[in-house]
């Protein structure tokens, strides 16, 4: 007679988490493709010194690239967590931190560009992502 107790962390697959992960992964992949074309144009010219007045624009695009890669990793992590049936620590904490920090930095840059509403919204969403990260495992 076996008295195995089911692990509360694991259960059957979770289709809603898997679907959300697929959507985030697709959005992240599309954003990576879009940002990479901009960075491929901007970064070599910035390194040569042609566009030194565009350094703030390069930082802005680089932070969007960090956000896009973090979104892609979060989506893939959600897919894996959904398939495995995990209930906690669905996304690694470091991914959430980079996602939130890059969004908050871009929010600050948006504030300096005069986009008050978008900047405040980006900072608020970034802060929420960083706070969610606080309760997760690091890796």
Foldseek 3Di string as FASTA:
>chain_A
DDDDDDDPQFDAFAVVLLVQLVVLLVQLVVQLVVLVVVLVVPVVCVVVVNPVVCPLVNLLSVLSNLLSVLSNQLSVLSNVCRRRRGDAQSHALQSLLSNLVSLLVNLVVCVVVVNPVSSVVSNVVSVVSNVVSVPHHHD
